[in-house]
């Protein structure tokens, strides 16, 4: 059985509106559930693939700061 997680996640959200996507992301982050990490990763990948150099730099800086602030 060949499962393509990326395509499954993308297909699961195709056609969703802004509010639905925002709610899904907010809930995934709020619930701190390991199961949702692959979906958030796919969303990040979609952003990254189409991001300008400036946006990529901004994202890296945000991640760098948050990683350094994160509690162990």
C-alpha atoms as a PDB file:
ATOM      1  CA  UNK A   1       0.000   0.000   0.000  1.00  0.00           C
ATOM      2  CA  UNK A   2       1.530   3.306  -1.114  1.00  0.00           C
ATOM      3  CA  UNK A   3       0.439   6.294   0.969  1.00  0.00           C
ATOM      4  CA  UNK A   4       1.409   9.791  -0.099  1.00  0.00           C
ATOM      5  CA  UNK A   5       0.951  11.844   3.063  1.00  0.00           C
ATOM      6  CA  UNK A   6       1.599  15.163   1.319  1.00  0.00           C
ATOM      7  CA  UNK A   7      -1.033  14.543  -1.331  1.00  0.00           C
ATOM      8  CA  UNK A   8      -3.522  13.231   1.220  1.00  0.00           C
ATOM      9  CA  UNK A   9      -3.162  16.367   3.355  1.00  0.00           C
ATOM     10  CA  UNK A  10      -3.399  18.668   0.341  1.00  0.00           C
ATOM     11  CA  UNK A  11      -6.489  16.845  -0.955  1.00  0.00           C
ATOM     12  CA  UNK A  12      -8.036  16.964   2.523  1.00  0.00           C
ATOM     13  CA  UNK A  13      -7.920  20.774   2.512  1.00  0.00           C
ATOM     14  CA  UNK A  14      -8.583  21.483  -1.179  1.00  0.00           C
ATOM     15  CA  UNK A  15     -11.467  23.867  -1.575  1.00  0.00           C
ATOM     16  CA  UNK A  16     -11.391  24.983   2.054  1.00  0.00           C
ATOM     17  CA  UNK A  17     -11.892  28.670   2.663  1.00  0.00           C
ATOM     18  CA  UNK A  18      -9.705  31.021   4.699  1.00  0.00           C
ATOM     19  CA  UNK A  19     -11.612  30.489   7.938  1.00  0.00           C
ATOM     20  CA  UNK A  20     -11.452  26.714   7.679  1.00  0.00           C
ATOM     21  CA  UNK A  21      -7.708  26.699   7.027  1.00  0.00           C
ATOM     22  CA  UNK A  22      -7.058  29.180   9.829  1.00  0.00           C
ATOM     23  CA  UNK A  23      -9.158  27.121  12.248  1.00  0.00           C
ATOM     24  CA  UNK A  24      -7.289  23.923  11.308  1.00  0.00           C
ATOM     25  CA  UNK A  25      -3.901  25.580  11.848  1.00  0.00           C
ATOM     26  CA  UNK A  26      -4.958  27.287  15.089  1.00  0.00           C
ATOM     27  CA  UNK A  27      -6.344  24.027  16.499  1.00  0.00           C
ATOM     28  CA  UNK A  28      -3.259  22.055  15.492  1.00  0.00           C
ATOM     29  CA  UNK A  29      -0.968  24.533  17.218  1.00  0.00           C
ATOM     30  CA  UNK A  30      -3.194  24.931  20.284  1.00  0.00           C
ATOM     31  CA  UNK A  31      -3.654  21.200  20.824  1.00  0.00           C
ATOM     32  CA  UNK A  32       0.103  20.578  20.607  1.00  0.00           C
ATOM     33  CA  UNK A  33      -0.692  17.179  19.091  1.00  0.00           C
ATOM     34  CA  UNK A  34       2.168  15.243  17.478  1.00  0.00           C
ATOM     35  CA  UNK A  35      -0.284  13.794  14.937  1.00  0.00           C
ATOM     36  CA  UNK A  36      -0.829  17.210  13.358  1.00  0.00           C
ATOM     37  CA  UNK A  37       2.873  17.937  12.807  1.00  0.00           C
ATOM     38  CA  UNK A  38       3.022  16.311   9.348  1.00  0.00           C
ATOM     39  CA  UNK A  39       0.102  18.452   8.179  1.00  0.00           C
ATOM     40  CA  UNK A  40       1.721  21.628   9.434  1.00  0.00           C
ATOM     41  CA  UNK A  41       4.919  20.524   7.730  1.00  0.00           C
ATOM     42  CA  UNK A  42       3.096  20.145   4.422  1.00  0.00           C
ATOM     43  CA  UNK A  43       1.609  23.612   4.834  1.00  0.00           C
ATOM     44  CA  UNK A  44       5.067  25.013   5.569  1.00  0.00           C
ATOM     45  CA  UNK A  45       6.479  23.230   2.534  1.00  0.00           C
ATOM     46  CA  UNK A  46       3.811  24.807   0.315  1.00  0.00           C
ATOM     47  CA  UNK A  47       4.676  28.233   1.679  1.00  0.00           C
ATOM     48  CA  UNK A  48       8.410  27.677   1.317  1.00  0.00           C
ATOM     49  CA  UNK A  49       8.191  26.461  -2.294  1.00  0.00           C
ATOM     50  CA  UNK A  50       6.511  29.682  -3.387  1.00  0.00           C
ATOM     51  CA  UNK A  51       8.086  32.177  -1.012  1.00  0.00           C
ATOM     52  CA  UNK A  52      10.272  35.059  -2.052  1.00  0.00           C
ATOM     53  CA  UNK A  53      13.809  35.245  -0.704  1.00  0.00           C
ATOM     54  CA  UNK A  54      12.649  38.011   1.632  1.00  0.00           C
ATOM     55  CA  UNK A  55       9.811  35.906   3.055  1.00  0.00           C
ATOM     56  CA  UNK A  56      12.141  32.912   3.482  1.00  0.00           C
ATOM     57  CA  UNK A  57      14.606  35.109   5.362  1.00  0.00           C
ATOM     58  CA  UNK A  58      11.800  36.426   7.584  1.00  0.00           C
ATOM     59  CA  UNK A  59      10.576  32.896   8.311  1.00  0.00           C
ATOM     60  CA  UNK A  60      14.069  31.684   9.149  1.00  0.00           C
ATOM     61  CA  UNK A  61      14.556  34.609  11.515  1.00  0.00           C
ATOM     62  CA  UNK A  62      11.226  33.935  13.242  1.00  0.00           C
ATOM     63  CA  UNK A  63      12.098  30.250  13.615  1.00  0.00           C
ATOM     64  CA  UNK A  64      15.611  31.045  14.853  1.00  0.00           C
ATOM     65  CA  UNK A  65      14.276  33.396  17.525  1.00  0.00           C
ATOM     66  CA  UNK A  66      11.532  31.033  18.665  1.00  0.00           C
ATOM     67  CA  UNK A  67      13.894  28.039  18.827  1.00  0.00           C
ATOM     68  CA  UNK A  68      16.271  30.034  20.994  1.00  0.00           C
ATOM     69  CA  UNK A  69      13.385  31.110  23.266  1.00  0.00           C
ATOM     70  CA  UNK A  70      11.853  27.629  23.499  1.00  0.00           C
ATOM     71  CA  UNK A  71      11.800  25.929  26.855  1.00  0.00           C
ATOM     72  CA  UNK A  72      13.324  22.479  27.089  1.00  0.00           C
END
